[in-house]
């Protein structure tokens, strides 16, 4: 079973990398990009068959290690 974790900065948290990405895209002629926010994507290979239990465990991993919950949001997909 795979778990996919998307981690993004919370709204209102400064994102200098996102600003740099938006600026670089504008410099390359992609003027339609008004703003950019960057984040992290983590894919985990899990053992077991219980999707609900797996999601709970991955959420615990996010709380303890994968995400800084003070400034970041996370979303977990199990499949």
PDB file of N, CA and C in Angstrom:
ATOM      1  N   UNK A   1       0.855  -1.168   0.000  1.00  0.00           N
ATOM      2  CA  UNK A   1       0.000   0.000   0.000  1.00  0.00           C
ATOM      3  C   UNK A   1       0.901   1.232   0.000  1.00  0.00           C
ATOM      4  N   UNK A   2       0.474   2.262  -0.699  1.00  0.00           N
ATOM      5  CA  UNK A   2       1.224   3.514  -0.776  1.00  0.00           C
ATOM      6  C   UNK A   2       0.500   4.598   0.005  1.00  0.00           C
ATOM      7  N   UNK A   3       1.304   5.453   0.620  1.00  0.00           N
ATOM      8  CA  UNK A   3       0.775   6.668   1.246  1.00  0.00           C
ATOM      9  C   UNK A   3       1.449   7.840   0.569  1.00  0.00           C
ATOM     10  N   UNK A   4       0.664   8.817   0.231  1.00  0.00           N
ATOM     11  CA  UNK A   4       1.182  10.050  -0.361  1.00  0.00           C
ATOM     12  C   UNK A   4       0.858  11.193   0.576  1.00  0.00           C
ATOM     13  N   UNK A   5       1.894  11.962   0.928  1.00  0.00           N
ATOM     14  CA  UNK A   5       1.732  13.059   1.867  1.00  0.00           C
ATOM     15  C   UNK A   5       2.108  14.355   1.147  1.00  0.00           C
ATOM     16  N   UNK A   6       1.184  15.288   1.123  1.00  0.00           N
ATOM     17  CA  UNK A   6       1.416  16.609   0.546  1.00  0.00           C
ATOM     18  C   UNK A   6       1.526  17.594   1.711  1.00  0.00           C
ATOM     19  N   UNK A   7       2.638  18.308   1.763  1.00  0.00           N
ATOM     20  CA  UNK A   7       2.879  19.254   2.847  1.00  0.00           C
ATOM     21  C   UNK A   7       3.047  20.636   2.235  1.00  0.00           C
ATOM     22  N   UNK A   8       2.260  21.597   2.734  1.00  0.00           N
ATOM     23  CA  UNK A   8       2.329  22.967   2.234  1.00  0.00           C
ATOM     24  C   UNK A   8       2.379  23.937   3.400  1.00  0.00           C
ATOM     25  N   UNK A   9       2.927  25.107   3.128  1.00  0.00           N
ATOM     26  CA  UNK A   9       2.948  26.141   4.148  1.00  0.00           C
ATOM     27  C   UNK A   9       1.535  26.662   4.376  1.00  0.00           C
ATOM     28  N   UNK A  10       1.231  26.978   5.619  1.00  0.00           N
ATOM     29  CA  UNK A  10      -0.073  27.549   5.935  1.00  0.00           C
ATOM     30  C   UNK A  10      -0.196  28.936   5.314  1.00  0.00           C
ATOM     31  N   UNK A  11      -1.431  29.308   5.036  1.00  0.00           N
ATOM     32  CA  UNK A  11      -1.712  30.630   4.481  1.00  0.00           C
ATOM     33  C   UNK A  11      -1.190  31.687   5.456  1.00  0.00           C
ATOM     34  N   UNK A  12      -0.531  32.683   4.947  1.00  0.00           N
ATOM     35  CA  UNK A  12       0.014  33.747   5.784  1.00  0.00           C
ATOM     36  C   UNK A  12       1.467  33.546   6.161  1.00  0.00           C
ATOM     37  N   UNK A  13       2.006  32.332   5.969  1.00  0.00           N
ATOM     38  CA  UNK A  13       3.421  32.075   6.243  1.00  0.00           C
ATOM     39  C   UNK A  13       4.215  32.488   5.005  1.00  0.00           C
ATOM     40  N   UNK A  14       5.256  33.291   5.214  1.00  0.00           N
ATOM     41  CA  UNK A  14       6.071  33.745   4.093  1.00  0.00           C
ATOM     42  C   UNK A  14       6.699  32.559   3.372  1.00  0.00           C
ATOM     43  N   UNK A  15       6.729  32.640   2.047  1.00  0.00           N
ATOM     44  CA  UNK A  15       7.257  31.568   1.213  1.00  0.00           C
ATOM     45  C   UNK A  15       8.257  32.148   0.213  1.00  0.00           C
ATOM     46  N   UNK A  16       9.508  32.395   0.641  1.00  0.00           N
ATOM     47  CA  UNK A  16      10.482  32.994  -0.271  1.00  0.00           C
ATOM     48  C   UNK A  16      10.785  32.122  -1.487  1.00  0.00           C
ATOM     49  N   UNK A  17      10.760  30.804  -1.333  1.00  0.00           N
ATOM     50  CA  UNK A  17      10.992  29.932  -2.488  1.00  0.00           C
ATOM     51  C   UNK A  17       9.857  30.065  -3.498  1.00  0.00           C
ATOM     52  N   UNK A  18       8.641  30.160  -3.023  1.00  0.00           N
ATOM     53  CA  UNK A  18       7.503  30.357  -3.912  1.00  0.00           C
ATOM     54  C   UNK A  18       7.614  31.673  -4.667  1.00  0.00           C
ATOM     55  N   UNK A  19       8.033  32.724  -3.963  1.00  0.00           N
ATOM     56  CA  UNK A  19       8.220  34.032  -4.616  1.00  0.00           C
ATOM     57  C   UNK A  19       9.303  33.943  -5.688  1.00  0.00           C
ATOM     58  N   UNK A  20      10.399  33.228  -5.387  1.00  0.00           N
ATOM     59  CA  UNK A  20      11.475  33.068  -6.369  1.00  0.00           C
ATOM     60  C   UNK A  20      10.989  32.301  -7.595  1.00  0.00           C
ATOM     61  N   UNK A  21      10.185  31.267  -7.375  1.00  0.00           N
ATOM     62  CA  UNK A  21       9.626  30.496  -8.486  1.00  0.00           C
ATOM     63  C   UNK A  21       8.749  31.383  -9.357  1.00  0.00           C
ATOM     64  N   UNK A  22       7.856  32.164  -8.723  1.00  0.00           N
ATOM     65  CA  UNK A  22       6.964  33.053  -9.477  1.00  0.00           C
ATOM     66  C   UNK A  22       7.773  34.076 -10.260  1.00  0.00           C
ATOM     67  N   UNK A  23       8.810  34.635  -9.642  1.00  0.00           N
ATOM     68  CA  UNK A  23       9.652  35.613 -10.326  1.00  0.00           C
ATOM     69  C   UNK A  23      10.399  35.013 -11.496  1.00  0.00           C
ATOM     70  N   UNK A  24      10.928  33.801 -11.328  1.00  0.00           N
ATOM     71  CA  UNK A  24      11.650  33.133 -12.408  1.00  0.00           C
ATOM     72  C   UNK A  24      10.718  32.800 -13.567  1.00  0.00           C
ATOM     73  N   UNK A  25       9.504  32.343 -13.248  1.00  0.00           N
ATOM     74  CA  UNK A  25       8.543  32.051 -14.322  1.00  0.00           C
ATOM     75  C   UNK A  25       8.168  33.316 -15.079  1.00  0.00           C
ATOM     76  N   UNK A  26       7.971  34.414 -14.360  1.00  0.00           N
ATOM     77  CA  UNK A  26       7.668  35.690 -15.027  1.00  0.00           C
ATOM     78  C   UNK A  26       8.828  36.097 -15.927  1.00  0.00           C
ATOM     79  N   UNK A  27      10.057  35.900 -15.452  1.00  0.00           N
ATOM     80  CA  UNK A  27      11.234  36.222 -16.251  1.00  0.00           C
ATOM     81  C   UNK A  27      11.353  35.384 -17.511  1.00  0.00           C
ATOM     82  N   UNK A  28      10.761  34.201 -17.486  1.00  0.00           N
ATOM     83  CA  UNK A  28      10.773  33.329 -18.658  1.00  0.00           C
ATOM     84  C   UNK A  28       9.568  33.553 -19.578  1.00  0.00           C
ATOM     85  N   UNK A  29       8.761  34.556 -19.236  1.00  0.00           N
ATOM     86  CA  UNK A  29       7.636  34.896 -20.092  1.00  0.00           C
ATOM     87  C   UNK A  29       6.306  34.291 -19.689  1.00  0.00           C
ATOM     88  N   UNK A  30       6.239  33.626 -18.557  1.00  0.00           N
ATOM     89  CA  UNK A  30       4.983  33.046 -18.094  1.00  0.00           C
ATOM     90  C   UNK A  30       4.271  34.064 -17.203  1.00  0.00           C
ATOM     91  N   UNK A  31       3.735  35.101 -17.842  1.00  0.00           N
ATOM     92  CA  UNK A  31       3.138  36.228 -17.121  1.00  0.00           C
ATOM     93  C   UNK A  31       1.814  35.887 -16.439  1.00  0.00           C
ATOM     94  N   UNK A  32       1.215  34.772 -16.786  1.00  0.00           N
ATOM     95  CA  UNK A  32      -0.072  34.411 -16.192  1.00  0.00           C
ATOM     96  C   UNK A  32       0.066  33.910 -14.747  1.00  0.00           C
ATOM     97  N   UNK A  33       1.285  33.649 -14.286  1.00  0.00           N
ATOM     98  CA  UNK A  33       1.497  33.172 -12.916  1.00  0.00           C
ATOM     99  C   UNK A  33       1.492  34.374 -11.973  1.00  0.00           C
ATOM    100  N   UNK A  34       0.432  34.490 -11.179  1.00  0.00           N
ATOM    101  CA  UNK A  34       0.301  35.604 -10.244  1.00  0.00           C
ATOM    102  C   UNK A  34       1.054  35.338  -8.943  1.00  0.00           C
ATOM    103  N   UNK A  35       1.132  34.074  -8.530  1.00  0.00           N
ATOM    104  CA  UNK A  35       1.796  33.716  -7.282  1.00  0.00           C
ATOM    105  C   UNK A  35       2.127  32.231  -7.332  1.00  0.00           C
ATOM    106  N   UNK A  36       3.095  31.815  -6.538  1.00  0.00           N
ATOM    107  CA  UNK A  36       3.452  30.402  -6.445  1.00  0.00           C
ATOM    108  C   UNK A  36       3.752  30.083  -4.985  1.00  0.00           C
ATOM    109  N   UNK A  37       3.363  28.893  -4.567  1.00  0.00           N
ATOM    110  CA  UNK A  37       3.670  28.385  -3.231  1.00  0.00           C
ATOM    111  C   UNK A  37       4.335  27.029  -3.430  1.00  0.00           C
ATOM    112  N   UNK A  38       5.396  26.782  -2.726  1.00  0.00           N
ATOM    113  CA  UNK A  38       6.077  25.497  -2.851  1.00  0.00           C
ATOM    114  C   UNK A  38       5.783  24.645  -1.630  1.00  0.00           C
ATOM    115  N   UNK A  39       5.976  23.358  -1.786  1.00  0.00           N
ATOM    116  CA  UNK A  39       5.727  22.433  -0.692  1.00  0.00           C
ATOM    117  C   UNK A  39       6.558  21.182  -0.856  1.00  0.00           C
ATOM    118  N   UNK A  40       6.168  20.142  -0.137  1.00  0.00           N
ATOM    119  CA  UNK A  40       6.877  18.866  -0.180  1.00  0.00           C
ATOM    120  C   UNK A  40       5.885  17.758  -0.512  1.00  0.00           C
ATOM    121  N   UNK A  41       6.397  16.736  -1.168  1.00  0.00           N
ATOM    122  CA  UNK A  41       5.628  15.535  -1.465  1.00  0.00           C
ATOM    123  C   UNK A  41       6.451  14.350  -0.988  1.00  0.00           C
ATOM    124  N   UNK A  42       5.847  13.516  -0.160  1.00  0.00           N
ATOM    125  CA  UNK A  42       6.522  12.327   0.356  1.00  0.00           C
ATOM    126  C   UNK A  42       5.664  11.123   0.029  1.00  0.00           C
ATOM    127  N   UNK A  43       6.286  10.088  -0.554  1.00  0.00           N
ATOM    128  CA  UNK A  43       5.582   8.855  -0.849  1.00  0.00           C
ATOM    129  C   UNK A  43       6.176   7.747   0.010  1.00  0.00           C
ATOM    130  N   UNK A  44       5.319   7.030   0.707  1.00  0.00           N
ATOM    131  CA  UNK A  44       5.743   5.955   1.601  1.00  0.00           C
ATOM    132  C   UNK A  44       5.161   4.630   1.137  1.00  0.00           C
ATOM    133  N   UNK A  45       5.970   3.572   1.143  1.00  0.00           N
ATOM    134  CA  UNK A  45       5.485   2.212   0.907  1.00  0.00           C
ATOM    135  C   UNK A  45       5.191   1.604   2.266  1.00  0.00           C
ATOM    136  N   UNK A  46       3.963   1.171   2.472  1.00  0.00           N
ATOM    137  CA  UNK A  46       3.530   0.644   3.760  1.00  0.00           C
ATOM    138  C   UNK A  46       3.180  -0.831   3.661  1.00  0.00           C
ATOM    139  N   UNK A  47       3.353  -1.548   4.769  1.00  0.00           N
ATOM    140  CA  UNK A  47       2.872  -2.913   4.859  1.00  0.00           C
ATOM    141  C   UNK A  47       1.499  -2.886   5.499  1.00  0.00           C
ATOM    142  N   UNK A  48       0.753  -3.955   5.351  1.00  0.00           N
ATOM    143  CA  UNK A  48      -0.573  -4.032   5.946  1.00  0.00           C
ATOM    144  C   UNK A  48      -1.660  -3.820   4.922  1.00  0.00           C
ATOM    145  N   UNK A  49      -2.881  -4.126   5.334  1.00  0.00           N
ATOM    146  CA  UNK A  49      -4.030  -4.070   4.433  1.00  0.00           C
ATOM    147  C   UNK A  49      -5.111  -3.097   4.888  1.00  0.00           C
ATOM    148  N   UNK A  50      -5.040  -2.611   6.119  1.00  0.00           N
ATOM    149  CA  UNK A  50      -6.079  -1.755   6.685  1.00  0.00           C
ATOM    150  C   UNK A  50      -5.800  -0.286   6.348  1.00  0.00           C
ATOM    151  N   UNK A  51      -6.538   0.254   5.382  1.00  0.00           N
ATOM    152  CA  UNK A  51      -6.299   1.621   4.917  1.00  0.00           C
ATOM    153  C   UNK A  51      -6.556   2.651   6.008  1.00  0.00           C
ATOM    154  N   UNK A  52      -7.587   2.445   6.809  1.00  0.00           N
ATOM    155  CA  UNK A  52      -7.892   3.406   7.877  1.00  0.00           C
ATOM    156  C   UNK A  52      -6.782   3.438   8.920  1.00  0.00           C
ATOM    157  N   UNK A  53      -6.268   2.269   9.290  1.00  0.00           N
ATOM    158  CA  UNK A  53      -5.166   2.214  10.256  1.00  0.00           C
ATOM    159  C   UNK A  53      -3.900   2.830   9.661  1.00  0.00           C
ATOM    160  N   UNK A  54      -3.663   2.578   8.386  1.00  0.00           N
ATOM    161  CA  UNK A  54      -2.490   3.148   7.721  1.00  0.00           C
ATOM    162  C   UNK A  54      -2.570   4.668   7.702  1.00  0.00           C
ATOM    163  N   UNK A  55      -3.745   5.205   7.398  1.00  0.00           N
ATOM    164  CA  UNK A  55      -3.899   6.659   7.370  1.00  0.00           C
ATOM    165  C   UNK A  55      -3.646   7.251   8.753  1.00  0.00           C
ATOM    166  N   UNK A  56      -4.158   6.613   9.781  1.00  0.00           N
ATOM    167  CA  UNK A  56      -3.936   7.100  11.145  1.00  0.00           C
ATOM    168  C   UNK A  56      -2.454   7.083  11.496  1.00  0.00           C
ATOM    169  N   UNK A  57      -1.738   6.032  11.097  1.00  0.00           N
ATOM    170  CA  UNK A  57      -0.304   5.946  11.383  1.00  0.00           C
ATOM    171  C   UNK A  57       0.474   7.017  10.627  1.00  0.00           C
ATOM    172  N   UNK A  58       0.135   7.250   9.358  1.00  0.00           N
ATOM    173  CA  UNK A  58       0.838   8.266   8.573  1.00  0.00           C
ATOM    174  C   UNK A  58       0.538   9.652   9.137  1.00  0.00           C
ATOM    175  N   UNK A  59      -0.677   9.890   9.579  1.00  0.00           N
ATOM    176  CA  UNK A  59      -0.982  11.174  10.214  1.00  0.00           C
ATOM    177  C   UNK A  59      -0.168  11.356  11.487  1.00  0.00           C
ATOM    178  N   UNK A  60       0.048  10.290  12.237  1.00  0.00           N
ATOM    179  CA  UNK A  60       0.917  10.366  13.418  1.00  0.00           C
ATOM    180  C   UNK A  60       2.353  10.683  13.011  1.00  0.00           C
ATOM    181  N   UNK A  61       2.807  10.100  11.905  1.00  0.00           N
ATOM    182  CA  UNK A  61       4.146  10.399  11.395  1.00  0.00           C
ATOM    183  C   UNK A  61       4.273  11.877  11.039  1.00  0.00           C
ATOM    184  N   UNK A  62       3.221  12.433  10.439  1.00  0.00           N
ATOM    185  CA  UNK A  62       3.220  13.853  10.082  1.00  0.00           C
ATOM    186  C   UNK A  62       3.303  14.721  11.334  1.00  0.00           C
ATOM    187  N   UNK A  63       2.530  14.369  12.333  1.00  0.00           N
ATOM    188  CA  UNK A  63       2.506  15.142  13.576  1.00  0.00           C
ATOM    189  C   UNK A  63       3.867  15.109  14.276  1.00  0.00           C
ATOM    190  N   UNK A  64       4.546  13.961  14.216  1.00  0.00           N
ATOM    191  CA  UNK A  64       5.788  13.787  14.964  1.00  0.00           C
ATOM    192  C   UNK A  64       7.046  14.157  14.191  1.00  0.00           C
ATOM    193  N   UNK A  65       7.034  14.036  12.852  1.00  0.00           N
ATOM    194  CA  UNK A  65       8.269  14.215  12.101  1.00  0.00           C
ATOM    195  C   UNK A  65       8.131  14.912  10.755  1.00  0.00           C
ATOM    196  N   UNK A  66       7.191  14.463   9.943  1.00  0.00           N
ATOM    197  CA  UNK A  66       7.190  14.870   8.539  1.00  0.00           C
ATOM    198  C   UNK A  66       6.791  16.320   8.308  1.00  0.00           C
ATOM    199  N   UNK A  67       5.912  16.865   9.131  1.00  0.00           N
ATOM    200  CA  UNK A  67       5.433  18.237   8.945  1.00  0.00           C
ATOM    201  C   UNK A  67       5.675  19.052  10.213  1.00  0.00           C
ATOM    202  N   UNK A  68       5.976  20.309  10.012  1.00  0.00           N
ATOM    203  CA  UNK A  68       6.041  21.256  11.130  1.00  0.00           C
ATOM    204  C   UNK A  68       4.647  21.860  11.241  1.00  0.00           C
ATOM    205  N   UNK A  69       3.826  21.313  12.102  1.00  0.00           N
ATOM    206  CA  UNK A  69       2.407  21.677  12.141  1.00  0.00           C
ATOM    207  C   UNK A  69       2.156  23.099  12.628  1.00  0.00           C
ATOM    208  N   UNK A  70       3.178  23.776  13.099  1.00  0.00           N
ATOM    209  CA  UNK A  70       3.029  25.186  13.480  1.00  0.00           C
ATOM    210  C   UNK A  70       2.873  26.032  12.217  1.00  0.00           C
ATOM    211  N   UNK A  71       3.616  25.690  11.163  1.00  0.00           N
ATOM    212  CA  UNK A  71       3.600  26.512   9.948  1.00  0.00           C
ATOM    213  C   UNK A  71       3.165  25.757   8.702  1.00  0.00           C
ATOM    214  N   UNK A  72       2.937  24.446   8.812  1.00  0.00           N
ATOM    215  CA  UNK A  72       2.608  23.649   7.635  1.00  0.00           C
ATOM    216  C   UNK A  72       1.292  22.878   7.814  1.00  0.00           C
ATOM    217  N   UNK A  73       0.586  22.705   6.703  1.00  0.00           N
ATOM    218  CA  UNK A  73      -0.568  21.823   6.620  1.00  0.00           C
ATOM    219  C   UNK A  73      -0.114  20.548   5.906  1.00  0.00           C
ATOM    220  N   UNK A  74      -0.841  19.471   6.118  1.00  0.00           N
ATOM    221  CA  UNK A  74      -0.544  18.241   5.389  1.00  0.00           C
ATOM    222  C   UNK A  74      -1.846  17.545   5.013  1.00  0.00           C
ATOM    223  N   UNK A  75      -1.750  16.773   3.929  1.00  0.00           N
ATOM    224  CA  UNK A  75      -2.871  15.949   3.470  1.00  0.00           C
ATOM    225  C   UNK A  75      -2.325  14.569   3.150  1.00  0.00           C
ATOM    226  N   UNK A  76      -3.024  13.523   3.599  1.00  0.00           N
ATOM    227  CA  UNK A  76      -2.593  12.151   3.422  1.00  0.00           C
ATOM    228  C   UNK A  76      -3.553  11.431   2.487  1.00  0.00           C
ATOM    229  N   UNK A  77      -3.003  10.743   1.495  1.00  0.00           N
ATOM    230  CA  UNK A  77      -3.774   9.882   0.589  1.00  0.00           C
ATOM    231  C   UNK A  77      -3.249   8.461   0.749  1.00  0.00           C
ATOM    232  N   UNK A  78      -4.142   7.517   0.896  1.00  0.00           N
ATOM    233  CA  UNK A  78      -3.759   6.104   0.986  1.00  0.00           C
ATOM    234  C   UNK A  78      -4.323   5.394  -0.241  1.00  0.00           C
ATOM    235  N   UNK A  79      -3.496   4.579  -0.863  1.00  0.00           N
ATOM    236  CA  UNK A  79      -3.982   3.858  -2.030  1.00  0.00           C
ATOM    237  C   UNK A  79      -3.062   2.768  -2.468  1.00  0.00           C
TER     238      UNK A  79
END
